[in-house]
């Protein structure tokens, strides 16, 4: 329409054009994204319980060892819950959909739950353990954090073959780090094991992705680990022994799982050579 006085066209008001503009696709959260945010929340709360239940009582001179044990168990259980969220957000994203923010949200959440939370757990361990050296433990905590940062950055840039991770996955690495601390080994052995885990996260060692039966096995292991932590927290009979057994199994799995991937790669290489030789025969 033309304004008879100005001979200029009417400019329609925003409300006339579209009263409720549709939210941009990049700003919508999917179900998978909501699970990812649950992952980040669990990581933050793990830091909270580590601070309020372990570090602050130690700094104030409180001798309530039961409270520290409950808080340590709660912090680790929250990291396990974060791993469950991380497991399911990938499954849901593949079955349904993920928003364009999905990959970025996943990396940021993993950095909180599997980088900051376990590194902070190591730092606090260095402050409260009798035989620990605080500054050396702080260096170990920084190494864990940087290993997760590098691992997540490389994951975003490097394309791996389907079904495999390059380096120990950050959730598995975080749980291995806290398992090492909970084993209550001598300080030097604890530090070396933590540094070895950090190296595995940034290494080229291949780990299978948790899909199908492996995802079910991982979920079962997480639930079992929660039960062991609860038994230890409430001072159940043999709770300490059960927890240390579970932590030791976590370390063994971290070392053994890549051997299966290596064995499969070697077998595939041999099969390919046999096929190539058979093709060359007249």
Protein backbone atom coordinates (compact mmCIF):
# COMPACT_ATOMS: atom_id res chain seq x y z
CA UNK A 1 0.00 0.00 0.00
CA UNK A 2 1.07 3.64 -0.63
CA UNK A 3 0.79 6.46 1.90
CA UNK A 4 -1.20 9.24 0.11
CA UNK A 5 0.73 11.98 1.92
CA UNK A 6 4.29 10.73 1.58
CA UNK A 7 3.83 8.48 -1.43
CA UNK A 8 5.95 6.00 0.48
CA UNK A 9 5.14 2.41 1.02
CA UNK A 10 3.75 1.28 4.34
CA UNK A 11 6.27 -0.58 6.46
CA UNK A 12 4.41 -3.38 8.11
CA UNK A 13 4.95 -3.69 11.84
CA UNK A 14 6.77 -6.70 13.22
CA UNK A 15 3.63 -7.98 14.88
CA UNK A 16 1.82 -7.91 11.52
CA UNK A 17 4.52 -9.93 9.81
CA UNK A 18 5.03 -12.69 12.34
CA UNK A 19 3.79 -12.38 15.89
CA UNK A 20 5.85 -15.34 17.06
CA UNK A 21 8.93 -15.96 15.04
CA UNK A 22 10.12 -19.51 15.10
CA UNK A 23 13.15 -20.09 17.31
CA UNK A 24 16.30 -20.65 15.21
CA UNK A 25 17.26 -24.27 14.85
CA UNK A 26 20.69 -23.59 16.40
CA UNK A 27 19.02 -22.47 19.66
CA UNK A 28 16.71 -25.43 20.19
CA UNK A 29 17.64 -28.11 22.69
CA UNK A 30 16.93 -31.69 21.78
CA UNK A 31 16.39 -34.59 24.17
CA UNK A 32 20.02 -35.58 23.67
CA UNK A 33 21.14 -32.05 24.57
CA UNK A 34 19.12 -32.21 27.79
CA UNK A 35 20.94 -35.40 28.75
CA UNK A 36 24.23 -33.68 27.97
CA UNK A 37 23.33 -30.84 30.34
CA UNK A 38 22.60 -33.48 32.99
CA UNK A 39 26.16 -34.67 32.44
CA UNK A 40 27.53 -31.17 33.13
CA UNK A 41 25.34 -30.78 36.23
CA UNK A 42 26.63 -34.05 37.71
CA UNK A 43 30.23 -32.96 37.12
CA UNK A 44 29.66 -29.64 38.87
CA UNK A 45 27.96 -31.31 41.83
CA UNK A 46 30.88 -33.76 42.10
CA UNK A 47 33.18 -30.75 42.58
CA UNK A 48 30.74 -29.34 45.14
CA UNK A 49 30.68 -32.50 47.28
CA UNK A 50 34.46 -32.89 47.02
CA UNK A 51 34.82 -29.34 48.37
CA UNK A 52 32.17 -29.29 51.09
CA UNK A 53 32.58 -32.86 52.32
CA UNK A 54 36.34 -33.45 52.01
CA UNK A 55 38.35 -30.25 51.57
CA UNK A 56 36.53 -27.85 53.93
CA UNK A 57 36.35 -30.33 56.87
CA UNK A 58 40.07 -30.98 56.42
CA UNK A 59 40.91 -27.27 56.40
CA UNK A 60 38.73 -26.60 59.46
CA UNK A 61 40.20 -29.50 61.42
CA UNK A 62 37.09 -31.66 61.47
CA UNK A 63 37.78 -35.31 62.26
CA UNK A 64 34.54 -36.70 60.82
CA UNK A 65 35.99 -39.41 58.61
CA UNK A 66 32.53 -40.80 57.91
CA UNK A 67 31.43 -37.53 56.33
CA UNK A 68 34.53 -37.48 54.12
CA UNK A 69 33.86 -41.06 53.04
CA UNK A 70 30.23 -40.29 52.22
CA UNK A 71 31.19 -37.16 50.28
CA UNK A 72 33.93 -38.96 48.34
CA UNK A 73 31.49 -41.74 47.43
CA UNK A 74 28.85 -39.19 46.44
CA UNK A 75 31.30 -37.28 44.23
CA UNK A 76 32.39 -40.44 42.42
CA UNK A 77 28.79 -41.65 42.05
CA UNK A 78 27.96 -38.29 40.44
CA UNK A 79 30.83 -38.82 37.98
CA UNK A 80 29.37 -42.26 37.24
CA UNK A 81 25.96 -40.64 36.67
CA UNK A 82 27.65 -38.19 34.31
CA UNK A 83 29.07 -41.18 32.41
CA UNK A 84 25.54 -42.63 32.15
CA UNK A 85 24.25 -39.34 30.74
CA UNK A 86 27.18 -39.26 28.31
CA UNK A 87 26.43 -42.81 27.21
CA UNK A 88 22.74 -42.19 26.60
CA UNK A 89 22.99 -38.78 24.95
CA UNK A 90 24.97 -40.38 22.13
CA UNK A 91 22.48 -43.23 21.79
CA UNK A 92 19.51 -40.83 21.82
CA UNK A 93 21.20 -38.50 19.31
CA UNK A 94 21.68 -41.39 16.90
CA UNK A 95 18.12 -42.68 17.32
CA UNK A 96 16.33 -39.31 17.31
CA UNK A 97 18.27 -36.15 16.56
CA UNK A 98 20.66 -33.65 18.08
CA UNK A 99 20.67 -29.88 17.71
CA UNK A 100 23.56 -28.13 15.92
CA UNK A 101 24.88 -27.34 19.40
CA UNK A 102 25.03 -31.01 20.36
CA UNK A 103 28.72 -31.66 19.66
CA UNK A 104 29.85 -28.46 21.39
CA UNK A 105 27.63 -29.09 24.41
CA UNK A 106 28.98 -32.62 24.68
CA UNK A 107 32.61 -31.48 24.67
CA UNK A 108 31.98 -28.72 27.22
CA UNK A 109 30.06 -31.05 29.52
CA UNK A 110 32.73 -33.74 29.25
CA UNK A 111 35.36 -31.16 30.16
CA UNK A 112 33.50 -30.41 33.40
CA UNK A 113 32.59 -33.96 34.41
CA UNK A 114 35.61 -35.89 33.15
CA UNK A 115 38.29 -33.18 33.17
CA UNK A 116 37.68 -30.70 35.97
CA UNK A 117 35.94 -33.04 38.44
CA UNK A 118 38.58 -35.85 38.49
CA UNK A 119 41.46 -33.35 38.35
CA UNK A 120 39.99 -31.53 41.34
CA UNK A 121 39.54 -34.88 43.09
CA UNK A 122 43.27 -35.54 42.63
CA UNK A 123 44.12 -32.04 43.85
CA UNK A 124 42.08 -32.47 47.04
CA UNK A 125 43.61 -35.91 47.56
CA UNK A 126 47.03 -34.26 47.53
CA UNK A 127 45.86 -31.89 50.26
CA UNK A 128 44.21 -34.37 52.63
CA UNK A 129 46.22 -37.61 52.28
CA UNK A 130 48.86 -38.16 54.94
CA UNK A 131 51.66 -39.29 52.62
CA UNK A 132 50.79 -37.00 49.68
CA UNK A 133 52.73 -33.97 48.49
CA UNK A 134 50.35 -31.14 47.71
CA UNK A 135 52.35 -29.39 45.00
CA UNK A 136 53.26 -32.61 43.23
CA UNK A 137 49.61 -33.72 43.36
CA UNK A 138 48.64 -30.35 41.89
CA UNK A 139 50.95 -31.04 38.94
CA UNK A 140 49.28 -34.45 38.48
CA UNK A 141 45.85 -32.80 38.57
CA UNK A 142 46.92 -30.28 35.91
CA UNK A 143 48.23 -33.11 33.72
CA UNK A 144 44.86 -34.91 33.98
CA UNK A 145 42.96 -31.74 33.09
CA UNK A 146 45.19 -30.92 30.12
CA UNK A 147 45.03 -34.52 28.88
CA UNK A 148 41.23 -34.33 28.78
CA UNK A 149 41.34 -30.92 27.06
CA UNK A 150 43.72 -32.24 24.39
CA UNK A 151 41.76 -35.46 23.99
CA UNK A 152 38.46 -33.63 23.45
CA UNK A 153 40.06 -31.15 21.04
CA UNK A 154 41.59 -33.98 19.02
CA UNK A 155 38.28 -35.83 19.00
CA UNK A 156 36.68 -32.79 17.33
CA UNK A 157 39.40 -32.56 14.68
CA UNK A 158 40.41 -36.13 13.88
CA UNK A 159 38.15 -38.56 12.05
CA UNK A 160 38.54 -42.14 13.24
CA UNK A 161 37.21 -45.29 11.67
CA UNK A 162 33.73 -46.21 12.75
CA UNK A 163 33.43 -47.90 16.12
CA UNK A 164 36.80 -46.86 17.55
CA UNK A 165 38.23 -44.10 19.74
CA UNK A 166 41.81 -42.90 19.53
CA UNK A 167 43.03 -42.79 23.10
CA UNK A 168 41.20 -43.75 26.27
CA UNK A 169 37.74 -42.09 26.30
CA UNK A 170 37.54 -39.26 28.81
CA UNK A 171 34.70 -40.84 30.89
CA UNK A 172 36.67 -44.05 31.22
CA UNK A 173 39.83 -42.08 31.98
CA UNK A 174 38.11 -40.04 34.69
CA UNK A 175 36.76 -43.15 36.40
CA UNK A 176 40.19 -44.76 36.19
CA UNK A 177 41.82 -41.71 37.80
CA UNK A 178 39.41 -41.66 40.76
CA UNK A 179 39.77 -45.45 41.10
CA UNK A 180 43.53 -44.99 41.46
CA UNK A 181 42.97 -42.44 44.24
CA UNK A 182 40.44 -44.64 46.05
CA UNK A 183 42.84 -47.59 46.01
CA UNK A 184 44.95 -45.68 48.57
CA UNK A 185 48.26 -46.82 47.12
CA UNK A 186 51.53 -45.16 48.17
CA UNK A 187 51.75 -41.61 46.83
CA UNK A 188 54.43 -42.30 44.22
CA UNK A 189 52.56 -45.31 42.83
CA UNK A 190 49.32 -43.30 42.77
CA UNK A 191 50.95 -40.41 40.91
CA UNK A 192 52.61 -42.69 38.35
CA UNK A 193 49.33 -44.51 37.69
CA UNK A 194 47.50 -41.18 37.25
CA UNK A 195 50.14 -39.93 34.80
CA UNK A 196 49.92 -43.24 32.92
CA UNK A 197 46.16 -42.84 32.59
CA UNK A 198 46.60 -39.27 31.33
CA UNK A 199 49.04 -40.57 28.71
CA UNK A 200 46.56 -43.22 27.59
CA UNK A 201 43.93 -40.51 27.02
CA UNK A 202 46.17 -38.61 24.59
CA UNK A 203 47.82 -41.68 23.06
CA UNK A 204 46.98 -43.37 19.76
CA UNK A 205 45.88 -46.55 21.53
CA UNK A 206 42.48 -47.59 20.18
CA UNK A 207 39.45 -48.19 22.40
CA UNK A 208 36.12 -49.53 21.09
CA UNK A 209 33.09 -47.25 21.27
CA UNK A 210 30.38 -48.41 23.73
CA UNK A 211 27.71 -49.67 21.36
CA UNK A 212 25.42 -52.66 21.44
CA UNK A 213 26.51 -55.29 23.93
CA UNK A 214 29.50 -53.23 24.97
CA UNK A 215 27.21 -50.34 25.95
CA UNK A 216 25.11 -52.73 28.01
CA UNK A 217 28.22 -54.14 29.68
CA UNK A 218 29.46 -50.64 30.46
CA UNK A 219 26.11 -49.64 31.97
CA UNK A 220 26.12 -52.79 34.11
CA UNK A 221 29.63 -52.01 35.31
CA UNK A 222 28.63 -48.44 36.23
CA UNK A 223 25.64 -49.64 38.25
CA UNK A 224 27.82 -52.23 39.99
CA UNK A 225 30.40 -49.54 40.77
CA UNK A 226 27.69 -47.37 42.32
CA UNK A 227 26.71 -50.30 44.55
CA UNK A 228 30.33 -50.81 45.64
CA UNK A 229 30.68 -47.11 46.46
CA UNK A 230 27.44 -47.13 48.45
CA UNK A 231 28.58 -50.20 50.43
CA UNK A 232 31.88 -48.46 51.20
CA UNK A 233 30.19 -45.17 52.14
CA UNK A 234 27.86 -46.83 54.65
CA UNK A 235 30.68 -48.96 56.09
CA UNK A 236 29.11 -52.26 55.06
CA UNK A 237 30.92 -55.50 55.97
CA UNK A 238 33.90 -55.92 53.63
CA UNK A 239 32.88 -52.65 51.94
CA UNK A 240 36.48 -51.43 51.79
CA UNK A 241 37.65 -54.69 50.22
CA UNK A 242 34.82 -54.67 47.69
CA UNK A 243 35.60 -51.09 46.70
CA UNK A 244 39.30 -51.78 46.28
CA UNK A 245 38.48 -54.87 44.19
CA UNK A 246 36.24 -52.78 41.94
CA UNK A 247 38.89 -50.07 41.60
CA UNK A 248 41.52 -52.66 40.73
CA UNK A 249 39.23 -54.14 38.06
CA UNK A 250 38.76 -50.65 36.59
CA UNK A 251 42.53 -50.32 36.22
CA UNK A 252 42.83 -53.79 34.70
CA UNK A 253 40.10 -53.03 32.15
CA UNK A 254 41.82 -49.78 31.21
CA UNK A 255 44.95 -51.75 30.37
CA UNK A 256 43.33 -54.84 28.83
CA UNK A 257 40.56 -53.40 26.64
CA UNK A 258 42.95 -51.86 24.08
CA UNK A 259 44.67 -55.24 23.77
CA UNK A 260 41.48 -56.66 22.25
CA UNK A 261 41.39 -53.84 19.70
CA UNK A 262 45.05 -54.43 18.89
CA UNK A 263 44.48 -58.17 18.52
CA UNK A 264 41.55 -57.54 16.18
CA UNK A 265 43.63 -55.16 14.08
CA UNK A 266 46.43 -57.74 13.83
CA UNK A 267 43.95 -60.45 12.81
CA UNK A 268 42.43 -58.17 10.17
CA UNK A 269 45.90 -57.42 8.83
CA UNK A 270 46.67 -61.15 8.56
CA UNK A 271 43.36 -61.84 6.85
CA UNK A 272 44.01 -59.08 4.32
CA UNK A 273 47.44 -60.49 3.57
CA UNK A 274 46.00 -63.95 3.03
CA UNK A 275 43.38 -62.56 0.67
CA UNK A 276 45.98 -60.58 -1.23
CA UNK A 277 48.17 -63.68 -1.62
CA UNK A 278 45.21 -65.78 -2.71
CA UNK A 279 44.29 -63.17 -5.32
CA UNK A 280 47.84 -63.27 -6.76
CA UNK A 281 47.75 -67.06 -7.23
CA UNK A 282 46.91 -68.21 -10.79
